[in-house]
C-alpha atoms as a PDB file:
ATOM      1  CA  MET A   1     -33.050  13.042  -9.668  1.00  0.00           C
ATOM      2  CA  THR A   2     -33.829  13.719 -13.985  1.00  0.00           C
ATOM      3  CA  GLY A   3     -34.392  10.419 -15.895  1.00  0.00           C
ATOM      4  CA  LEU A   4     -30.346  11.505 -18.238  1.00  0.00           C
ATOM      5  CA  SER A   5     -29.250  11.780 -14.592  1.00  0.00           C
ATOM      6  CA  LEU A   6     -30.097   7.781 -13.626  1.00  0.00           C
ATOM      7  CA  SER A   7     -28.654   7.291 -17.319  1.00  0.00           C
ATOM      8  CA  LEU A   8     -25.467   8.728 -16.599  1.00  0.00           C
ATOM      9  CA  VAL A   9     -25.413   7.382 -13.399  1.00  0.00           C
ATOM     10  CA  ARG A  10     -26.363   3.491 -14.752  1.00  0.00           C
ATOM     11  CA  GLY A  11     -23.806   4.455 -17.870  1.00  0.00           C
ATOM     12  CA  ALA A  12     -21.064   4.781 -14.811  1.00  0.00           C
ATOM     13  CA  VAL A  13     -22.340   1.771 -13.365  1.00  0.00           C
ATOM     14  CA  THR A  14     -22.371  -1.054 -16.501  1.00  0.00           C
ATOM     15  CA  SER A  15     -19.381   0.231 -18.560  1.00  0.00           C
ATOM     16  CA  PRO A  16     -16.515  -1.517 -16.323  1.00  0.00           C
ATOM     17  CA  PHE A  17     -18.694  -4.747 -17.535  1.00  0.00           C
ATOM     18  CA  LYS A  18     -18.362  -3.935 -21.029  1.00  0.00           C
ATOM     19  CA  ARG A  19     -16.013  -4.953 -23.391  1.00  0.00           C
ATOM     20  CA  ALA A  20     -15.697  -3.143 -26.162  1.00  0.00           C
ATOM     21  CA  GLY A  21     -14.181  -5.374 -29.440  1.00  0.00           C
ATOM     22  CA  ARG A  22     -15.772  -8.680 -27.987  1.00  0.00           C
ATOM     23  CA  PRO A  23     -16.470 -11.027 -31.653  1.00  0.00           C
ATOM     24  CA  GLY A  24     -20.889 -11.261 -32.561  1.00  0.00           C
ATOM     25  CA  ALA A  25     -21.055  -8.373 -31.019  1.00  0.00           C
ATOM     26  CA  THR A  26     -24.848  -7.131 -31.680  1.00  0.00           C
ATOM     27  CA  LEU A  27     -27.009  -4.067 -30.898  1.00  0.00           C
ATOM     28  CA  PRO A  28     -30.059  -4.196 -29.301  1.00  0.00           C
ATOM     29  CA  PRO A  29     -33.609  -3.682 -32.491  1.00  0.00           C
ATOM     30  CA  ALA A  30     -34.775  -0.871 -29.613  1.00  0.00           C
ATOM     31  CA  ARG A  31     -35.792   2.817 -30.422  1.00  0.00           C
ATOM     32  CA  GLU A  32     -36.941   5.128 -27.857  1.00  0.00           C
ATOM     33  CA  VAL A  33     -39.486   7.665 -28.951  1.00  0.00           C
ATOM     34  CA  ILE A  34     -40.065  10.824 -27.291  1.00  0.00           C
ATOM     35  CA  PRO A  35     -43.881  11.835 -27.602  1.00  0.00           C
ATOM     36  CA  PRO A  36     -44.781  15.226 -29.769  1.00  0.00           C
ATOM     37  CA  ARG A  37     -43.624  18.247 -27.648  1.00  0.00           C
ATOM     38  CA  ARG A  38     -42.988  21.721 -28.028  1.00  0.00           C
ATOM     39  CA  THR A  39     -39.077  22.991 -27.128  1.00  0.00           C
ATOM     40  CA  ALA A  40     -38.591  23.803 -23.865  1.00  0.00           C
ATOM     41  CA  PRO A  41     -37.802  27.506 -24.373  1.00  0.00           C
ATOM     42  CA  GLY A  42     -35.282  27.797 -21.145  1.00  0.00           C
ATOM     43  CA  PRO A  43     -33.028  25.057 -21.776  1.00  0.00           C
ATOM     44  CA  LEU A  44     -33.004  26.439 -25.402  1.00  0.00           C
ATOM     45  CA  THR A  45     -31.791  29.657 -24.441  1.00  0.00           C
ATOM     46  CA  ALA A  46     -28.680  28.586 -22.171  1.00  0.00           C
ATOM     47  CA  TYR A  47     -28.276  26.313 -25.560  1.00  0.00           C
ATOM     48  CA  SER A  48     -28.353  29.224 -27.754  1.00  0.00           C
ATOM     49  CA  ARG A  49     -25.919  31.317 -24.867  1.00  0.00           C
ATOM     50  CA  VAL A  50     -23.454  28.924 -25.021  1.00  0.00           C
ATOM     51  CA  CYS A  51     -23.213  28.570 -28.546  1.00  0.00           C
ATOM     52  CA  GLY A  52     -23.597  31.967 -30.280  1.00  0.00           C
ATOM     53  CA  PHE A  53     -26.767  31.646 -31.561  1.00  0.00           C
ATOM     54  CA  ALA A  54     -29.835  34.398 -31.547  1.00  0.00           C
ATOM     55  CA  GLU A  55     -32.061  33.585 -28.705  1.00  0.00           C
ATOM     56  CA  GLN A  56     -35.108  34.356 -31.062  1.00  0.00           C
ATOM     57  CA  GLY A  57     -36.262  32.612 -34.595  1.00  0.00           C
ATOM     58  CA  PRO A  58     -36.367  28.802 -35.906  1.00  0.00           C
ATOM     59  CA  LEU A  59     -34.193  26.650 -34.047  1.00  0.00           C
ATOM     60  CA  PRO A  60     -30.576  26.520 -34.844  1.00  0.00           C
ATOM     61  CA  LEU A  61     -30.423  23.179 -36.834  1.00  0.00           C
ATOM     62  CA  THR A  62     -28.231  21.478 -34.185  1.00  0.00           C
ATOM     63  CA  TYR A  63     -30.612  21.260 -31.837  1.00  0.00           C
ATOM     64  CA  PRO A  64     -33.110  18.818 -32.235  1.00  0.00           C
ATOM     65  CA  HIS A  65     -29.768  16.302 -31.319  1.00  0.00           C
ATOM     66  CA  VAL A  66     -29.602  18.071 -28.511  1.00  0.00           C
ATOM     67  CA  LEU A  67     -33.511  17.382 -27.737  1.00  0.00           C
ATOM     68  CA  GLY A  68     -32.751  13.174 -28.521  1.00  0.00           C
ATOM     69  CA  PHE A  69     -29.800  12.798 -26.179  1.00  0.00           C
ATOM     70  CA  PRO A  70     -31.405  11.651 -23.211  1.00  0.00           C
ATOM     71  CA  PRO A  71     -33.087   8.974 -25.394  1.00  0.00           C
ATOM     72  CA  ALA A  72     -29.834   7.799 -26.938  1.00  0.00           C
ATOM     73  CA  MET A  73     -27.880   7.871 -23.866  1.00  0.00           C
ATOM     74  CA  ARG A  74     -30.932   5.834 -22.488  1.00  0.00           C
ATOM     75  CA  LEU A  75     -30.060   2.907 -25.329  1.00  0.00           C
ATOM     76  CA  MET A  76     -26.764   3.523 -25.456  1.00  0.00           C
ATOM     77  CA  THR A  77     -26.303   2.479 -21.265  1.00  0.00           C
ATOM     78  CA  ASP A  78     -29.279  -0.103 -21.780  1.00  0.00           C
ATOM     79  CA  ARG A  79     -27.386  -3.735 -20.281  1.00  0.00           C
ATOM     80  CA  SER A  80     -27.790  -5.146 -24.165  1.00  0.00           C
ATOM     81  CA  PHE A  81     -25.923  -1.965 -25.809  1.00  0.00           C
ATOM     82  CA  PRO A  82     -22.143  -3.747 -26.288  1.00  0.00           C
ATOM     83  CA  LEU A  83     -20.361  -0.731 -25.711  1.00  0.00           C
ATOM     84  CA  PRO A  84     -19.274   1.305 -22.754  1.00  0.00           C
ATOM     85  CA  VAL A  85     -20.377   4.790 -22.827  1.00  0.00           C
ATOM     86  CA  LEU A  86     -18.387   6.220 -20.818  1.00  0.00           C
ATOM     87  CA  GLY A  87     -15.171   7.382 -23.041  1.00  0.00           C
ATOM     88  CA  LEU A  88     -16.758   7.309 -25.939  1.00  0.00           C
ATOM     89  CA  VAL A  89     -15.795   9.935 -28.512  1.00  0.00           C
ATOM     90  CA  HIS A  90     -17.761  11.590 -31.295  1.00  0.00           C
ATOM     91  CA  THR A  91     -16.105  11.449 -34.178  1.00  0.00           C
ATOM     92  CA  TRP A  92     -18.723  12.491 -37.175  1.00  0.00           C
ATOM     93  CA  ILE A  93     -21.826  13.513 -38.064  1.00  0.00           C
ATOM     94  CA  GLU A  94     -24.344  14.087 -40.506  1.00  0.00           C
ATOM     95  CA  ILE A  95     -27.751  16.849 -40.348  1.00  0.00           C
ATOM     96  CA  THR A  96     -30.308  17.290 -42.448  1.00  0.00           C
ATOM     97  CA  GLY A  97     -32.915  19.357 -41.943  1.00  0.00           C
ATOM     98  CA  HIS A  98     -35.939  18.748 -44.584  1.00  0.00           C
ATOM     99  CA  ARG A  99     -37.865  22.086 -42.882  1.00  0.00           C
ATOM    100  CA  VAL A 100     -37.283  25.032 -41.075  1.00  0.00           C
ATOM    101  CA  LEU A 101     -38.224  24.321 -37.487  1.00  0.00           C
ATOM    102  CA  HIS A 102     -40.103  26.911 -34.515  1.00  0.00           C
ATOM    103  CA  PRO A 103     -39.614  26.549 -30.752  1.00  0.00           C
ATOM    104  CA  SER A 104     -43.658  26.150 -30.993  1.00  0.00           C
ATOM    105  CA  ASP A 105     -43.405  23.244 -33.540  1.00  0.00           C
ATOM    106  CA  GLU A 106     -44.503  20.374 -31.907  1.00  0.00           C
ATOM    107  CA  LEU A 107     -41.561  17.251 -32.700  1.00  0.00           C
ATOM    108  CA  GLU A 108     -41.772  13.862 -32.339  1.00  0.00           C
ATOM    109  CA  LEU A 109     -38.489  11.854 -31.527  1.00  0.00           C
ATOM    110  CA  THR A 110     -36.751   8.666 -32.147  1.00  0.00           C
ATOM    111  CA  VAL A 111     -33.437   7.268 -31.247  1.00  0.00           C
ATOM    112  CA  TYR A 112     -32.151   4.048 -32.424  1.00  0.00           C
ATOM    113  CA  ALA A 113     -28.504   2.636 -33.275  1.00  0.00           C
ATOM    114  CA  ALA A 114     -28.139   1.927 -36.338  1.00  0.00           C
ATOM    115  CA  GLY A 115     -25.236  -0.152 -36.892  1.00  0.00           C
ATOM    116  CA  LEU A 116     -21.057  -1.332 -35.217  1.00  0.00           C
ATOM    117  CA  THR A 117     -18.527  -0.556 -37.490  1.00  0.00           C
ATOM    118  CA  PRO A 118     -14.752  -1.272 -37.398  1.00  0.00           C
ATOM    119  CA  HIS A 119     -12.398   1.297 -36.614  1.00  0.00           C
ATOM    120  CA  ARG A 120      -8.337   2.277 -36.225  1.00  0.00           C
ATOM    121  CA  ARG A 121      -8.851   2.720 -32.835  1.00  0.00           C
ATOM    122  CA  GLY A 122     -11.351   0.429 -31.676  1.00  0.00           C
ATOM    123  CA  THR A 123     -15.379   0.236 -32.505  1.00  0.00           C
ATOM    124  CA  GLU A 124     -17.755   2.547 -33.912  1.00  0.00           C
ATOM    125  CA  VAL A 125     -21.231   2.850 -33.559  1.00  0.00           C
ATOM    126  CA  THR A 126     -23.908   4.577 -35.633  1.00  0.00           C
ATOM    127  CA  MET A 127     -26.605   6.925 -33.500  1.00  0.00           C
ATOM    128  CA  VAL A 128     -29.671   7.795 -35.639  1.00  0.00           C
ATOM    129  CA  THR A 129     -31.858  11.165 -34.002  1.00  0.00           C
ATOM    130  CA  GLU A 130     -35.178  11.549 -36.151  1.00  0.00           C
ATOM    131  CA  ALA A 131     -37.951  14.268 -35.689  1.00  0.00           C
ATOM    132  CA  ARG A 132     -41.377  14.580 -37.205  1.00  0.00           C
ATOM    133  CA  LEU A 133     -43.791  16.885 -37.183  1.00  0.00           C
ATOM    134  CA  ALA A 134     -46.832  15.403 -37.641  1.00  0.00           C
ATOM    135  CA  GLY A 135     -45.708  11.898 -38.937  1.00  0.00           C
ATOM    136  CA  GLU A 136     -44.155  14.068 -42.062  1.00  0.00           C
ATOM    137  CA  LEU A 137     -40.156  13.458 -41.132  1.00  0.00           C
ATOM    138  CA  VAL A 138     -39.023  17.063 -41.456  1.00  0.00           C
ATOM    139  CA  TRP A 139     -35.255  16.804 -39.924  1.00  0.00           C
ATOM    140  CA  GLU A 140     -32.166  13.438 -39.179  1.00  0.00           C
ATOM    141  CA  SER A 141     -29.449  13.324 -38.341  1.00  0.00           C
ATOM    142  CA  ARG A 142     -26.162  10.321 -37.902  1.00  0.00           C
ATOM    143  CA  SER A 143     -23.580  10.398 -35.956  1.00  0.00           C
ATOM    144  CA  GLY A 144     -20.475   8.001 -35.203  1.00  0.00           C
ATOM    145  CA  TYR A 145     -19.399   7.727 -31.686  1.00  0.00           C
ATOM    146  CA  LEU A 146     -15.785   5.307 -30.848  1.00  0.00           C
ATOM    147  CA  SER A 147     -15.010   3.376 -28.073  1.00  0.00           C
ATOM    148  CA  ARG A 148     -11.635   3.514 -27.956  1.00  0.00           C
ATOM    149  CA  HIS A 149      -9.676  -0.603 -27.492  1.00  0.00           C
ATOM    150  CA  ALA A 150      -7.003  -2.786 -28.777  1.00  0.00           C
ATOM    151  CA  THR A 151      -8.302  -3.908 -32.076  1.00  0.00           C
ATOM    152  CA  GLY A 152      -5.385  -6.829 -31.903  1.00  0.00           C
ATOM    153  CA  ALA A 153      -3.183  -8.567 -30.527  1.00  0.00           C
ATOM    154  CA  PRO A 154       0.369  -7.751 -31.979  1.00  0.00           C
ATOM    155  CA  ALA A 155       1.719 -10.513 -33.515  1.00  0.00           C
ATOM    156  CA  SER A 156       4.721 -12.525 -32.181  1.00  0.00           C
ATOM    157  CA  PRO A 157       8.656 -11.941 -33.707  1.00  0.00           C
ATOM    158  CA  SER A 158       8.572 -14.935 -35.481  1.00  0.00           C
ATOM    159  CA  LYS A 159       5.377 -14.319 -37.275  1.00  0.00           C
ATOM    160  CA  ALA A 160       5.691 -10.215 -37.802  1.00  0.00           C
ATOM    161  CA  PRO A 161       6.802  -8.919 -40.995  1.00  0.00           C
ATOM    162  CA  PRO A 162      10.765  -7.820 -41.700  1.00  0.00           C
ATOM    163  CA  GLU A 163       9.639  -4.097 -42.329  1.00  0.00           C
ATOM    164  CA  ALA A 164       6.372  -3.577 -41.893  1.00  0.00           C
ATOM    165  CA  PRO A 165       4.990  -0.295 -43.295  1.00  0.00           C
ATOM    166  CA  PRO A 166       3.585   2.653 -40.680  1.00  0.00           C
ATOM    167  CA  GLU A 167      -0.064   3.151 -40.242  1.00  0.00           C
ATOM    168  CA  THR A 168      -0.937   6.227 -43.253  1.00  0.00           C
ATOM    169  CA  PRO A 169      -1.627   9.122 -41.283  1.00  0.00           C
ATOM    170  CA  PRO A 170      -5.295  10.403 -42.698  1.00  0.00           C
ATOM    171  CA  GLU A 171      -3.997  13.617 -45.188  1.00  0.00           C
ATOM    172  CA  ALA A 172      -4.210  17.112 -43.867  1.00  0.00           C
ATOM    173  CA  PRO A 173      -7.394  18.865 -45.802  1.00  0.00           C
ATOM    174  CA  PRO A 174      -6.544  22.214 -47.739  1.00  0.00           C
ATOM    175  CA  GLU A 175      -6.315  25.025 -45.375  1.00  0.00           C
ATOM    176  CA  LEU A 176      -9.426  28.430 -45.340  1.00  0.00           C
ATOM    177  CA  PRO A 177      -9.300  31.392 -45.110  1.00  0.00           C
ATOM    178  CA  ALA A 178      -9.634  32.194 -41.211  1.00  0.00           C
ATOM    179  CA  VAL A 179     -11.970  34.320 -39.736  1.00  0.00           C
ATOM    180  CA  ALA A 180     -12.361  34.624 -36.785  1.00  0.00           C
ATOM    181  CA  ASP A 181     -10.078  33.339 -33.608  1.00  0.00           C
ATOM    182  CA  TRP A 182     -11.715  31.857 -30.672  1.00  0.00           C
ATOM    183  CA  ARG A 183     -10.932  31.841 -27.055  1.00  0.00           C
ATOM    184  CA  LEU A 184     -12.259  28.493 -25.796  1.00  0.00           C
ATOM    185  CA  PRO A 185     -12.413  29.107 -21.609  1.00  0.00           C
ATOM    186  CA  ALA A 186     -11.569  25.911 -19.190  1.00  0.00           C
ATOM    187  CA  ASP A 187     -15.588  25.964 -18.391  1.00  0.00           C
ATOM    188  CA  LEU A 188     -16.776  25.260 -21.928  1.00  0.00           C
ATOM    189  CA  GLY A 189     -17.155  21.907 -21.137  1.00  0.00           C
ATOM    190  CA  ARG A 190     -19.642  22.799 -18.069  1.00  0.00           C
ATOM    191  CA  ARG A 191     -21.723  25.172 -19.086  1.00  0.00           C
ATOM    192  CA  TYR A 192     -21.949  23.307 -22.892  1.00  0.00           C
ATOM    193  CA  GLY A 193     -23.186  20.308 -20.382  1.00  0.00           C
ATOM    194  CA  ALA A 194     -25.109  22.214 -18.706  1.00  0.00           C
ATOM    195  CA  ALA A 195     -27.035  23.653 -21.434  1.00  0.00           C
ATOM    196  CA  SER A 196     -27.392  20.428 -23.058  1.00  0.00           C
ATOM    197  CA  GLY A 197     -27.718  17.504 -20.625  1.00  0.00           C
ATOM    198  CA  ASP A 198     -24.340  15.578 -22.117  1.00  0.00           C
ATOM    199  CA  ARG A 199     -21.970  15.566 -19.314  1.00  0.00           C
ATOM    200  CA  ASN A 200     -19.356  12.920 -20.327  1.00  0.00           C
ATOM    201  CA  PRO A 201     -16.839  13.076 -17.859  1.00  0.00           C
ATOM    202  CA  ILE A 202     -13.954  13.637 -20.774  1.00  0.00           C
ATOM    203  CA  HIS A 203     -15.580  17.133 -20.990  1.00  0.00           C
ATOM    204  CA  LEU A 204     -15.869  18.218 -17.394  1.00  0.00           C
ATOM    205  CA  HIS A 205     -12.850  17.986 -15.977  1.00  0.00           C
ATOM    206  CA  PRO A 206      -8.812  17.985 -16.183  1.00  0.00           C
ATOM    207  CA  LEU A 207      -8.708  14.894 -13.691  1.00  0.00           C
ATOM    208  CA  THR A 208     -11.860  12.880 -15.155  1.00  0.00           C
ATOM    209  CA  ALA A 209     -10.680  13.315 -18.626  1.00  0.00           C
ATOM    210  CA  ARG A 210      -7.463  11.976 -17.907  1.00  0.00           C
ATOM    211  CA  LEU A 211      -8.960   8.855 -16.920  1.00  0.00           C
ATOM    212  CA  PHE A 212      -9.974   8.090 -20.937  1.00  0.00           C
ATOM    213  CA  GLY A 213      -6.436   9.311 -21.829  1.00  0.00           C
ATOM    214  CA  PHE A 214      -6.616  12.879 -22.412  1.00  0.00           C
ATOM    215  CA  PRO A 215      -3.900  15.229 -20.969  1.00  0.00           C
ATOM    216  CA  ARG A 216      -6.778  18.232 -20.359  1.00  0.00           C
ATOM    217  CA  HIS A 217     -11.006  17.806 -20.391  1.00  0.00           C
ATOM    218  CA  ILE A 218     -12.126  18.722 -24.310  1.00  0.00           C
ATOM    219  CA  ALA A 219     -14.517  20.619 -26.035  1.00  0.00           C
ATOM    220  CA  HIS A 220     -17.931  18.736 -27.089  1.00  0.00           C
ATOM    221  CA  GLY A 221     -17.488  18.392 -30.862  1.00  0.00           C
ATOM    222  CA  MET A 222     -21.617  19.314 -31.108  1.00  0.00           C
ATOM    223  CA  TRP A 223     -20.773  22.490 -29.194  1.00  0.00           C
ATOM    224  CA  THR A 224     -17.888  22.712 -32.212  1.00  0.00           C
ATOM    225  CA  VAL A 225     -19.965  22.013 -34.918  1.00  0.00           C
ATOM    226  CA  ALA A 226     -23.279  24.219 -33.251  1.00  0.00           C
ATOM    227  CA  ARG A 227     -20.193  27.752 -33.217  1.00  0.00           C
ATOM    228  CA  CYS A 228     -19.530  26.992 -36.435  1.00  0.00           C
ATOM    229  CA  LEU A 229     -23.024  27.266 -37.562  1.00  0.00           C
ATOM    230  CA  ALA A 230     -23.718  30.060 -35.686  1.00  0.00           C
ATOM    231  CA  GLU A 231     -20.815  31.746 -36.753  1.00  0.00           C
ATOM    232  CA  ALA A 232     -21.515  30.904 -40.269  1.00  0.00           C
ATOM    233  CA  GLY A 233     -24.588  33.550 -39.228  1.00  0.00           C
ATOM    234  CA  ASP A 234     -24.990  37.033 -40.981  1.00  0.00           C
ATOM    235  CA  GLY A 235     -27.970  38.401 -38.992  1.00  0.00           C
ATOM    236  CA  SER A 236     -30.403  36.927 -40.823  1.00  0.00           C
ATOM    237  CA  ASP A 237     -31.549  33.025 -40.250  1.00  0.00           C
ATOM    238  CA  ALA A 238     -27.972  31.520 -41.309  1.00  0.00           C
ATOM    239  CA  GLY A 239     -26.960  28.969 -38.726  1.00  0.00           C
ATOM    240  CA  ARG A 240     -30.326  28.563 -37.384  1.00  0.00           C
ATOM    241  CA  GLY A 241     -32.501  26.395 -40.077  1.00  0.00           C
ATOM    242  CA  GLY A 242     -32.807  29.082 -42.356  1.00  0.00           C
ATOM    243  CA  ARG A 243     -30.268  28.958 -45.355  1.00  0.00           C
ATOM    244  CA  ILE A 244     -28.687  26.497 -43.583  1.00  0.00           C
ATOM    245  CA  SER A 245     -30.275  22.785 -43.665  1.00  0.00           C
ATOM    246  CA  SER A 246     -27.546  20.565 -43.832  1.00  0.00           C
ATOM    247  CA  VAL A 247     -24.073  19.879 -42.335  1.00  0.00           C
ATOM    248  CA  ARG A 248     -21.171  16.797 -42.243  1.00  0.00           C
ATOM    249  CA  ALA A 249     -18.529  17.513 -40.108  1.00  0.00           C
ATOM    250  CA  ASP A 250     -15.500  15.280 -39.513  1.00  0.00           C
ATOM    251  CA  PHE A 251     -13.816  15.833 -35.829  1.00  0.00           C
ATOM    252  CA  ARG A 252     -10.507  14.830 -36.525  1.00  0.00           C
ATOM    253  CA  ALA A 253      -8.619  16.434 -33.108  1.00  0.00           C
ATOM    254  CA  PRO A 254      -9.857  16.665 -29.061  1.00  0.00           C
ATOM    255  CA  VAL A 255      -9.855  20.684 -28.886  1.00  0.00           C
ATOM    256  CA  LEU A 256      -8.632  20.451 -25.845  1.00  0.00           C
ATOM    257  CA  LEU A 257     -10.130  23.198 -22.425  1.00  0.00           C
ATOM    258  CA  PRO A 258      -8.572  25.764 -22.037  1.00  0.00           C
ATOM    259  CA  SER A 259      -7.168  27.125 -25.465  1.00  0.00           C
ATOM    260  CA  THR A 260      -7.665  29.377 -28.767  1.00  0.00           C
ATOM    261  CA  VAL A 261      -8.625  27.662 -31.813  1.00  0.00           C
ATOM    262  CA  THR A 262      -9.705  29.778 -35.796  1.00  0.00           C
ATOM    263  CA  TYR A 263     -12.469  28.866 -37.304  1.00  0.00           C
ATOM    264  CA  ALA A 264     -11.895  29.267 -41.074  1.00  0.00           C
ATOM    265  CA  SER A 265     -14.322  28.954 -43.768  1.00  0.00           C
ATOM    266  CA  ASP A 266     -14.818  29.478 -47.541  1.00  0.00           C
ATOM    267  CA  GLY A 267     -18.225  29.975 -47.334  1.00  0.00           C
ATOM    268  CA  THR A 268     -18.930  26.531 -47.885  1.00  0.00           C
ATOM    269  CA  ALA A 269     -16.014  24.136 -46.450  1.00  0.00           C
ATOM    270  CA  PHE A 270     -14.855  24.890 -42.612  1.00  0.00           C
ATOM    271  CA  GLN A 271     -12.449  23.900 -40.287  1.00  0.00           C
ATOM    272  CA  VAL A 272     -11.465  24.604 -36.851  1.00  0.00           C
ATOM    273  CA  ARG A 273      -7.454  25.058 -35.964  1.00  0.00           C
ATOM    274  CA  GLY A 274      -5.735  25.247 -33.475  1.00  0.00           C
ATOM    275  CA  GLY A 275      -2.026  26.394 -34.930  1.00  0.00           C
ATOM    276  CA  SER A 276      -1.394  23.657 -37.581  1.00  0.00           C
ATOM    277  CA  ARG A 277      -3.442  21.422 -35.667  1.00  0.00           C
ATOM    278  CA  VAL A 278      -6.733  20.901 -37.723  1.00  0.00           C
ATOM    279  CA  HIS A 279      -9.793  20.062 -35.308  1.00  0.00           C
ATOM    280  CA  LEU A 280     -12.738  20.029 -36.810  1.00  0.00           C
ATOM    281  CA  THR A 281     -13.505  19.566 -40.941  1.00  0.00           C
ATOM    282  CA  GLY A 282     -17.249  20.094 -42.462  1.00  0.00           C
ATOM    283  CA  LYS A 283     -19.047  21.478 -44.782  1.00  0.00           C
ATOM    284  CA  ALA A 284     -22.438  22.885 -44.622  1.00  0.00           C
ATOM    285  CA  ALA A 285     -25.262  24.017 -47.676  1.00  0.00           C
END
């Protein structure tokens, strides 16, 4: 059994004993460091294929995040981590590439948890991944992961305000020009999970996703971002770390599998839509 598999088993065992949102919860100060090493060609090829990247050239801008996933899992499944890892939902990511990276680069990775933030649907943790080459910071990402839970007991009838206003939903973003339609197969989550190592049960099967409140299994947020960057490519290095050096993406609604979605972009901003529903918004530079 691999180290990542052991982390997933540990997460399954420890998650039922963790109570998200408890007062005074703190993050462990530990950092996970992977010593410098080259990228293994087999996993990179599998990742490039499932996300739509070319199989030659620089590393996809999103790939160091995949390399940092095993140490992130070790941190998030540790006994001292305050949130249950099962059912965590990726809510946003920011990536900055400070230079073009190649599979032959010997990257040193550092991963740590940077903070806990109250969220209207639970508690969000920010995870940071940094890549260094010969000591120089060459790539970094910050990600939000949401642990959904009740955020407070309802007020008693005697103390409830007479006409409490409903929660205001997030404002819908302006619709961007449609570029391509993607048909997402039912096994996409399993294929991406095999390529990336992210086998969160909400992505694998309808039954396991229903255990966490989803009607069916959902696509990985990181697959969706990567697929957007691959779609932005024009046959050159765009989307593979060549011209796109930074991206911010927000995951607004789950993408159920199987489904058909639309990729839309104005050249910088991008969206993934399913009918009138916006699943993801982002901006690349």
